[in-house]
Amino acid sequence: MALCLLLCLLSKETGLVIIAMALIYLFWFDRQRLLAFTGIMALPVIFYLNLKLNAVGLNNSTGIAQIDSLSLWGRLLTVPSIILFYIIKFIFPYKLATGYYWTYPTFSVRHVLLPLLIDLVVLALLVVVGVELHKKHRDDQFWFSFSLAFGP
């Protein structure tokens, strides 16, 4: 497990988020294994941080993309378009590239409001389908139940 999580860290930095989620899960549901997991993961995390420090340092902001220079407000205005872009590329993966460098730092109906409305419609459809599936099938057929996660 530690080797797999180390490989996850080496392939993408979000491996740290996965390790943090595992720690939170163990803290909530299985505290007996928390100390053992922390001890097992200490060496791979230290190894990864050492590699990162020696390679690029802790803060490796390159400033290549336009979004790097935007304020928080400009980034938030770009988010609906980015989410819609990924929804469309997931359904119709045509003309894919290794990087996309565009932003919409000012409010507009075409680039902010319309994508936001479409994103909300897609999210609402997913919630409706999930609720209908949950009503149609018994609770014991699901791998995750909200009643188990959040209590009665």
N, C-alpha and C. Protein backbone atom coordinates (compact mmCIF):
# COMPACT_ATOMS: atom_id res chain seq x y z
N MET A 1 0.83 -1.18 0.00
CA MET A 1 0.00 0.00 0.00
C MET A 1 0.87 1.24 0.00
N ALA A 2 1.92 1.25 0.82
CA ALA A 2 2.79 2.42 0.88
C ALA A 2 3.49 2.63 -0.46
N LEU A 3 3.87 1.56 -1.13
CA LEU A 3 4.51 1.67 -2.43
C LEU A 3 3.54 2.25 -3.46
N CYS A 4 2.31 1.79 -3.44
CA CYS A 4 1.30 2.32 -4.37
C CYS A 4 1.05 3.80 -4.11
N LEU A 5 0.96 4.20 -2.86
CA LEU A 5 0.75 5.61 -2.56
C LEU A 5 1.98 6.45 -2.91
N LEU A 6 3.17 5.88 -2.77
CA LEU A 6 4.37 6.59 -3.20
C LEU A 6 4.35 6.79 -4.71
N LEU A 7 3.98 5.75 -5.46
CA LEU A 7 3.87 5.89 -6.91
C LEU A 7 2.81 6.92 -7.28
N CYS A 8 1.73 6.95 -6.52
CA CYS A 8 0.70 7.96 -6.73
C CYS A 8 1.27 9.36 -6.51
N LEU A 9 2.05 9.53 -5.46
CA LEU A 9 2.70 10.82 -5.19
C LEU A 9 3.66 11.22 -6.30
N LEU A 10 4.41 10.26 -6.79
CA LEU A 10 5.39 10.55 -7.82
C LEU A 10 4.74 10.88 -9.16
N SER A 11 3.54 10.37 -9.40
CA SER A 11 2.88 10.64 -10.67
C SER A 11 2.10 11.95 -10.64
N LYS A 12 1.57 12.32 -9.48
CA LYS A 12 0.79 13.55 -9.39
C LYS A 12 0.78 14.00 -7.93
N GLU A 13 0.86 15.30 -7.73
CA GLU A 13 0.93 15.83 -6.37
C GLU A 13 -0.36 15.65 -5.59
N THR A 14 -1.44 15.37 -6.26
CA THR A 14 -2.70 15.16 -5.54
C THR A 14 -2.67 13.86 -4.74
N GLY A 15 -1.61 13.10 -4.87
CA GLY A 15 -1.43 11.93 -4.01
C GLY A 15 -1.40 12.33 -2.54
N LEU A 16 -0.92 13.55 -2.26
CA LEU A 16 -0.96 14.06 -0.89
C LEU A 16 -2.40 14.18 -0.39
N VAL A 17 -3.30 14.56 -1.27
CA VAL A 17 -4.72 14.66 -0.90
C VAL A 17 -5.28 13.27 -0.61
N ILE A 18 -4.88 12.28 -1.39
CA ILE A 18 -5.35 10.91 -1.17
C ILE A 18 -4.84 10.40 0.18
N ILE A 19 -3.60 10.68 0.50
CA ILE A 19 -3.06 10.26 1.79
C ILE A 19 -3.80 10.97 2.92
N ALA A 20 -4.06 12.27 2.75
CA ALA A 20 -4.80 13.01 3.77
C ALA A 20 -6.21 12.45 3.94
N MET A 21 -6.86 12.09 2.84
CA MET A 21 -8.21 11.50 2.93
C MET A 21 -8.16 10.16 3.65
N ALA A 22 -7.14 9.37 3.41
CA ALA A 22 -7.00 8.10 4.11
C ALA A 22 -6.80 8.32 5.60
N LEU A 23 -6.00 9.33 5.95
CA LEU A 23 -5.80 9.64 7.37
C LEU A 23 -7.11 10.08 8.02
N ILE A 24 -7.88 10.91 7.34
CA ILE A 24 -9.17 11.36 7.89
C ILE A 24 -10.12 10.18 8.04
N TYR A 25 -10.16 9.31 7.04
CA TYR A 25 -11.02 8.13 7.13
C TYR A 25 -10.64 7.27 8.34
N LEU A 26 -9.35 7.01 8.49
CA LEU A 26 -8.92 6.20 9.62
C LEU A 26 -9.21 6.90 10.94
N PHE A 27 -9.08 8.21 10.99
CA PHE A 27 -9.38 8.95 12.21
C PHE A 27 -10.85 8.81 12.58
N TRP A 28 -11.72 8.84 11.57
CA TRP A 28 -13.16 8.76 11.85
C TRP A 28 -13.64 7.34 12.13
N PHE A 29 -13.12 6.35 11.38
CA PHE A 29 -13.73 5.03 11.41
C PHE A 29 -12.86 3.92 11.98
N ASP A 30 -11.55 4.06 12.04
CA ASP A 30 -10.70 2.96 12.48
C ASP A 30 -9.43 3.51 13.13
N ARG A 31 -9.58 4.08 14.30
CA ARG A 31 -8.47 4.77 14.96
C ARG A 31 -7.35 3.81 15.38
N GLN A 32 -7.63 2.52 15.48
CA GLN A 32 -6.58 1.58 15.86
C GLN A 32 -5.50 1.51 14.77
N ARG A 33 -5.87 1.68 13.51
CA ARG A 33 -4.93 1.59 12.40
C ARG A 33 -4.30 2.94 12.04
N LEU A 34 -4.74 4.02 12.66
CA LEU A 34 -4.26 5.35 12.31
C LEU A 34 -2.76 5.51 12.56
N LEU A 35 -2.30 5.10 13.71
CA LEU A 35 -0.88 5.24 14.04
C LEU A 35 -0.02 4.38 13.12
N ALA A 36 -0.46 3.17 12.84
CA ALA A 36 0.31 2.30 11.94
C ALA A 36 0.38 2.89 10.53
N PHE A 37 -0.73 3.41 10.03
CA PHE A 37 -0.75 4.02 8.70
C PHE A 37 0.16 5.24 8.64
N THR A 38 0.11 6.07 9.68
CA THR A 38 0.96 7.25 9.73
C THR A 38 2.43 6.85 9.73
N GLY A 39 2.78 5.83 10.49
CA GLY A 39 4.16 5.36 10.52
C GLY A 39 4.61 4.79 9.20
N ILE A 40 3.73 4.04 8.54
CA ILE A 40 4.07 3.44 7.25
C ILE A 40 4.24 4.51 6.17
N MET A 41 3.42 5.57 6.22
CA MET A 41 3.45 6.59 5.18
C MET A 41 4.46 7.69 5.44
N ALA A 42 5.06 7.73 6.60
CA ALA A 42 6.01 8.80 6.92
C ALA A 42 7.22 8.74 5.97
N LEU A 43 7.80 7.58 5.77
CA LEU A 43 8.98 7.46 4.93
C LEU A 43 8.69 7.82 3.46
N PRO A 44 7.63 7.30 2.84
CA PRO A 44 7.36 7.72 1.45
C PRO A 44 7.09 9.22 1.31
N VAL A 45 6.38 9.83 2.26
CA VAL A 45 6.10 11.26 2.17
C VAL A 45 7.39 12.06 2.33
N ILE A 46 8.24 11.67 3.28
CA ILE A 46 9.53 12.35 3.45
C ILE A 46 10.39 12.18 2.20
N PHE A 47 10.39 10.98 1.62
CA PHE A 47 11.14 10.73 0.38
C PHE A 47 10.63 11.62 -0.74
N TYR A 48 9.31 11.71 -0.89
CA TYR A 48 8.71 12.55 -1.93
C TYR A 48 9.06 14.03 -1.72
N LEU A 49 8.90 14.52 -0.49
CA LEU A 49 9.21 15.93 -0.21
C LEU A 49 10.68 16.24 -0.46
N ASN A 50 11.56 15.30 -0.13
CA ASN A 50 12.98 15.48 -0.39
C ASN A 50 13.24 15.58 -1.89
N LEU A 51 12.63 14.69 -2.68
CA LEU A 51 12.79 14.76 -4.13
C LEU A 51 12.26 16.07 -4.68
N LYS A 52 11.11 16.51 -4.20
CA LYS A 52 10.51 17.75 -4.68
C LYS A 52 11.36 18.96 -4.32
N LEU A 53 11.84 19.00 -3.10
CA LEU A 53 12.70 20.12 -2.68
C LEU A 53 13.96 20.21 -3.54
N ASN A 54 14.59 19.08 -3.80
CA ASN A 54 15.82 19.08 -4.59
C ASN A 54 15.56 19.36 -6.06
N ALA A 55 14.39 19.03 -6.57
CA ALA A 55 14.11 19.21 -7.99
C ALA A 55 13.61 20.62 -8.30
N VAL A 56 12.55 21.07 -7.62
CA VAL A 56 11.93 22.35 -7.98
C VAL A 56 11.67 23.26 -6.80
N GLY A 57 11.89 22.81 -5.60
CA GLY A 57 11.55 23.60 -4.43
C GLY A 57 10.09 23.38 -4.05
N LEU A 58 9.68 23.99 -2.97
CA LEU A 58 8.29 23.80 -2.53
C LEU A 58 7.30 24.58 -3.37
N ASN A 59 7.66 25.78 -3.80
CA ASN A 59 6.75 26.60 -4.59
C ASN A 59 7.31 26.70 -6.00
N ASN A 60 6.72 25.97 -6.93
CA ASN A 60 7.24 25.93 -8.29
C ASN A 60 6.28 26.60 -9.27
N SER A 61 5.86 27.81 -8.98
CA SER A 61 4.97 28.54 -9.86
C SER A 61 5.74 28.99 -11.10
N THR A 62 5.35 28.45 -12.24
CA THR A 62 6.07 28.74 -13.47
C THR A 62 5.53 29.97 -14.18
N GLY A 63 4.27 30.29 -14.04
CA GLY A 63 3.70 31.46 -14.68
C GLY A 63 3.52 31.31 -16.17
N ILE A 64 3.38 30.10 -16.67
CA ILE A 64 3.22 29.88 -18.11
C ILE A 64 1.80 30.20 -18.56
N ALA A 65 0.82 29.75 -17.82
CA ALA A 65 -0.58 29.91 -18.22
C ALA A 65 -1.10 31.28 -17.82
N GLN A 66 -2.10 31.76 -18.55
CA GLN A 66 -2.71 33.06 -18.26
C GLN A 66 -3.36 33.08 -16.89
N ILE A 67 -3.90 31.95 -16.46
CA ILE A 67 -4.64 31.92 -15.19
C ILE A 67 -3.69 32.12 -14.01
N ASP A 68 -2.40 31.91 -14.21
CA ASP A 68 -1.43 32.10 -13.13
C ASP A 68 -1.38 33.55 -12.64
N SER A 69 -1.66 34.49 -13.53
CA SER A 69 -1.56 35.90 -13.16
C SER A 69 -2.90 36.50 -12.73
N LEU A 70 -3.97 35.72 -12.73
CA LEU A 70 -5.28 36.24 -12.35
C LEU A 70 -5.47 36.29 -10.84
N SER A 71 -6.33 37.19 -10.41
CA SER A 71 -6.73 37.24 -9.01
C SER A 71 -7.73 36.12 -8.73
N LEU A 72 -8.08 35.98 -7.48
CA LEU A 72 -9.07 34.96 -7.11
C LEU A 72 -10.38 35.20 -7.83
N TRP A 73 -10.81 36.45 -7.90
CA TRP A 73 -12.08 36.77 -8.57
C TRP A 73 -12.03 36.40 -10.05
N GLY A 74 -10.94 36.67 -10.73
CA GLY A 74 -10.81 36.30 -12.13
C GLY A 74 -10.81 34.80 -12.33
N ARG A 75 -10.18 34.08 -11.41
CA ARG A 75 -10.19 32.62 -11.49
C ARG A 75 -11.59 32.07 -11.26
N LEU A 76 -12.32 32.66 -10.29
CA LEU A 76 -13.68 32.20 -10.03
C LEU A 76 -14.60 32.46 -11.21
N LEU A 77 -14.37 33.54 -11.94
CA LEU A 77 -15.18 33.81 -13.12
C LEU A 77 -14.86 32.84 -14.26
N THR A 78 -13.69 32.25 -14.25
CA THR A 78 -13.30 31.30 -15.28
C THR A 78 -13.78 29.88 -14.96
N VAL A 79 -14.06 29.59 -13.71
CA VAL A 79 -14.41 28.22 -13.29
C VAL A 79 -15.62 27.64 -14.03
N PRO A 80 -16.75 28.35 -14.19
CA PRO A 80 -17.88 27.74 -14.91
C PRO A 80 -17.52 27.30 -16.32
N SER A 81 -16.72 28.09 -17.02
CA SER A 81 -16.31 27.72 -18.38
C SER A 81 -15.40 26.50 -18.37
N ILE A 82 -14.54 26.41 -17.37
CA ILE A 82 -13.64 25.25 -17.28
C ILE A 82 -14.44 23.98 -17.01
N ILE A 83 -15.41 24.05 -16.08
CA ILE A 83 -16.21 22.87 -15.77
C ILE A 83 -17.01 22.44 -16.99
N LEU A 84 -17.64 23.38 -17.68
CA LEU A 84 -18.39 23.06 -18.90
C LEU A 84 -17.46 22.47 -19.96
N PHE A 85 -16.27 23.01 -20.09
CA PHE A 85 -15.30 22.50 -21.05
C PHE A 85 -14.99 21.03 -20.77
N TYR A 86 -14.76 20.68 -19.49
CA TYR A 86 -14.45 19.29 -19.17
C TYR A 86 -15.66 18.38 -19.34
N ILE A 87 -16.85 18.86 -19.07
CA ILE A 87 -18.05 18.05 -19.32
C ILE A 87 -18.16 17.75 -20.81
N ILE A 88 -17.97 18.76 -21.64
CA ILE A 88 -18.07 18.58 -23.09
C ILE A 88 -16.96 17.66 -23.59
N LYS A 89 -15.74 17.84 -23.10
CA LYS A 89 -14.63 16.98 -23.54
C LYS A 89 -14.80 15.54 -23.06
N PHE A 90 -15.49 15.35 -21.93
CA PHE A 90 -15.75 13.99 -21.45
C PHE A 90 -16.75 13.29 -22.36
N ILE A 91 -17.76 14.03 -22.82
CA ILE A 91 -18.78 13.44 -23.68
C ILE A 91 -18.30 13.35 -25.13
N PHE A 92 -17.67 14.41 -25.64
CA PHE A 92 -17.17 14.46 -27.01
C PHE A 92 -15.67 14.76 -27.00
N PRO A 93 -14.82 13.75 -26.86
CA PRO A 93 -13.37 14.00 -26.78
C PRO A 93 -12.76 14.26 -28.17
N TYR A 94 -13.05 15.44 -28.72
CA TYR A 94 -12.57 15.81 -30.04
C TYR A 94 -11.58 16.96 -29.92
N LYS A 95 -10.49 16.88 -30.67
CA LYS A 95 -9.44 17.90 -30.67
C LYS A 95 -8.88 18.15 -29.27
N LEU A 96 -8.35 17.09 -28.66
CA LEU A 96 -7.75 17.20 -27.34
C LEU A 96 -6.33 17.76 -27.46
N ALA A 97 -5.90 18.44 -26.43
CA ALA A 97 -4.55 19.01 -26.39
C ALA A 97 -3.93 18.74 -25.03
N THR A 98 -2.64 18.97 -24.91
CA THR A 98 -1.98 18.76 -23.62
C THR A 98 -2.19 19.93 -22.68
N GLY A 99 -2.56 21.09 -23.20
CA GLY A 99 -2.80 22.25 -22.36
C GLY A 99 -3.76 23.22 -23.03
N TYR A 100 -4.54 23.88 -22.21
CA TYR A 100 -5.48 24.88 -22.70
C TYR A 100 -5.21 26.16 -21.92
N TYR A 101 -4.95 27.24 -22.63
CA TYR A 101 -4.54 28.48 -21.98
C TYR A 101 -5.51 29.59 -22.34
N TRP A 102 -6.65 29.64 -21.66
CA TRP A 102 -7.63 30.70 -21.85
C TRP A 102 -8.26 31.03 -20.52
N THR A 103 -8.66 32.27 -20.38
CA THR A 103 -9.33 32.73 -19.16
C THR A 103 -10.42 33.72 -19.54
N TYR A 104 -11.34 33.91 -18.62
CA TYR A 104 -12.39 34.93 -18.76
C TYR A 104 -12.43 35.73 -17.46
N PRO A 105 -11.56 36.71 -17.30
CA PRO A 105 -11.44 37.42 -16.02
C PRO A 105 -12.53 38.45 -15.75
N THR A 106 -13.38 38.73 -16.74
CA THR A 106 -14.48 39.68 -16.53
C THR A 106 -15.80 38.96 -16.75
N PHE A 107 -16.83 39.47 -16.10
CA PHE A 107 -18.15 38.83 -16.19
C PHE A 107 -18.75 39.06 -17.57
N SER A 108 -19.27 37.97 -18.15
CA SER A 108 -20.02 38.06 -19.39
C SER A 108 -21.06 36.96 -19.39
N VAL A 109 -22.14 37.19 -20.11
CA VAL A 109 -23.21 36.19 -20.17
C VAL A 109 -22.72 34.95 -20.90
N ARG A 110 -21.99 35.15 -21.99
CA ARG A 110 -21.56 34.03 -22.82
C ARG A 110 -20.51 33.16 -22.14
N HIS A 111 -19.58 33.75 -21.41
CA HIS A 111 -18.46 32.99 -20.87
C HIS A 111 -18.58 32.67 -19.38
N VAL A 112 -19.52 33.29 -18.66
CA VAL A 112 -19.65 33.02 -17.23
C VAL A 112 -21.05 32.53 -16.90
N LEU A 113 -22.07 33.30 -17.23
CA LEU A 113 -23.43 32.97 -16.81
C LEU A 113 -23.99 31.74 -17.53
N LEU A 114 -23.86 31.68 -18.84
CA LEU A 114 -24.37 30.54 -19.60
C LEU A 114 -23.68 29.23 -19.20
N PRO A 115 -22.34 29.18 -19.11
CA PRO A 115 -21.71 27.95 -18.63
C PRO A 115 -22.13 27.57 -17.20
N LEU A 116 -22.31 28.58 -16.34
CA LEU A 116 -22.75 28.30 -14.97
C LEU A 116 -24.13 27.66 -14.96
N LEU A 117 -25.05 28.17 -15.77
CA LEU A 117 -26.39 27.59 -15.84
C LEU A 117 -26.36 26.18 -16.40
N ILE A 118 -25.56 25.94 -17.41
CA ILE A 118 -25.45 24.59 -17.97
C ILE A 118 -24.83 23.64 -16.95
N ASP A 119 -23.81 24.09 -16.24
CA ASP A 119 -23.20 23.26 -15.19
C ASP A 119 -24.22 22.89 -14.12
N LEU A 120 -25.04 23.85 -13.71
CA LEU A 120 -26.05 23.59 -12.68
C LEU A 120 -27.12 22.62 -13.19
N VAL A 121 -27.48 22.70 -14.47
CA VAL A 121 -28.45 21.77 -15.04
C VAL A 121 -27.88 20.36 -15.06
N VAL A 122 -26.62 20.22 -15.46
CA VAL A 122 -25.98 18.90 -15.48
C VAL A 122 -25.89 18.34 -14.06
N LEU A 123 -25.53 19.18 -13.10
CA LEU A 123 -25.46 18.73 -11.70
C LEU A 123 -26.84 18.32 -11.19
N ALA A 124 -27.87 19.10 -11.53
CA ALA A 124 -29.23 18.75 -11.11
C ALA A 124 -29.67 17.43 -11.73
N LEU A 125 -29.33 17.21 -12.99
CA LEU A 125 -29.67 15.94 -13.63
C LEU A 125 -28.99 14.76 -12.95
N LEU A 126 -27.73 14.94 -12.59
CA LEU A 126 -27.02 13.86 -11.89
C LEU A 126 -27.64 13.57 -10.53
N VAL A 127 -28.05 14.61 -9.82
CA VAL A 127 -28.69 14.42 -8.51
C VAL A 127 -30.03 13.72 -8.68
N VAL A 128 -30.83 14.12 -9.66
CA VAL A 128 -32.14 13.51 -9.89
C VAL A 128 -31.98 12.04 -10.26
N VAL A 129 -31.03 11.73 -11.14
CA VAL A 129 -30.80 10.33 -11.52
C VAL A 129 -30.34 9.52 -10.30
N GLY A 130 -29.46 10.10 -9.48
CA GLY A 130 -29.01 9.40 -8.28
C GLY A 130 -30.13 9.14 -7.30
N VAL A 131 -30.99 10.13 -7.09
CA VAL A 131 -32.12 9.96 -6.17
C VAL A 131 -33.08 8.91 -6.70
N GLU A 132 -33.35 8.94 -8.00
CA GLU A 132 -34.25 7.94 -8.58
C GLU A 132 -33.67 6.54 -8.48
N LEU A 133 -32.38 6.39 -8.73
CA LEU A 133 -31.75 5.08 -8.58
C LEU A 133 -31.80 4.61 -7.14
N HIS A 134 -31.61 5.55 -6.22
CA HIS A 134 -31.65 5.19 -4.80
C HIS A 134 -33.06 4.76 -4.38
N LYS A 135 -34.07 5.40 -4.90
CA LYS A 135 -35.45 5.01 -4.60
C LYS A 135 -35.78 3.66 -5.21
N LYS A 136 -35.26 3.40 -6.39
CA LYS A 136 -35.61 2.18 -7.13
C LYS A 136 -34.98 0.93 -6.52
N HIS A 137 -33.79 1.05 -5.97
CA HIS A 137 -33.07 -0.11 -5.44
C HIS A 137 -33.01 -0.05 -3.92
N ARG A 138 -32.80 -1.22 -3.34
CA ARG A 138 -32.68 -1.30 -1.89
C ARG A 138 -31.36 -0.71 -1.44
N ASP A 139 -31.28 -0.29 -0.16
CA ASP A 139 -30.07 0.30 0.39
C ASP A 139 -28.90 -0.68 0.42
N ASP A 140 -29.18 -1.96 0.62
CA ASP A 140 -28.09 -2.91 0.74
C ASP A 140 -27.43 -3.22 -0.61
N GLN A 141 -27.97 -2.71 -1.71
CA GLN A 141 -27.36 -2.91 -3.01
C GLN A 141 -26.32 -1.84 -3.33
N PHE A 142 -26.22 -0.83 -2.50
CA PHE A 142 -25.28 0.25 -2.75
C PHE A 142 -24.00 0.03 -1.95
N TRP A 143 -22.88 0.45 -2.49
CA TRP A 143 -21.59 0.29 -1.81
C TRP A 143 -21.39 1.37 -0.78
N PHE A 144 -22.17 2.43 -0.85
CA PHE A 144 -22.03 3.53 0.11
C PHE A 144 -23.42 4.03 0.46
N SER A 145 -23.69 4.21 1.69
CA SER A 145 -24.98 4.70 2.12
C SER A 145 -24.79 5.95 2.97
N PHE A 146 -25.58 6.97 2.69
CA PHE A 146 -25.44 8.21 3.44
C PHE A 146 -25.79 8.00 4.92
N SER A 147 -26.67 7.07 5.19
CA SER A 147 -27.02 6.84 6.59
C SER A 147 -25.85 6.25 7.37
N LEU A 148 -25.01 5.45 6.69
CA LEU A 148 -23.82 4.91 7.36
C LEU A 148 -22.76 5.99 7.55
N ALA A 149 -22.65 6.88 6.59
CA ALA A 149 -21.59 7.89 6.65
C ALA A 149 -21.90 9.01 7.63
N PHE A 150 -23.17 9.43 7.66
CA PHE A 150 -23.51 10.60 8.45
C PHE A 150 -24.37 10.30 9.65
N GLY A 151 -24.60 9.04 9.92
CA GLY A 151 -25.39 8.67 11.10
C GLY A 151 -26.88 8.70 10.82
N PRO A 152 -27.68 8.34 11.82
CA PRO A 152 -29.13 8.27 11.62
C PRO A 152 -29.77 9.63 11.44
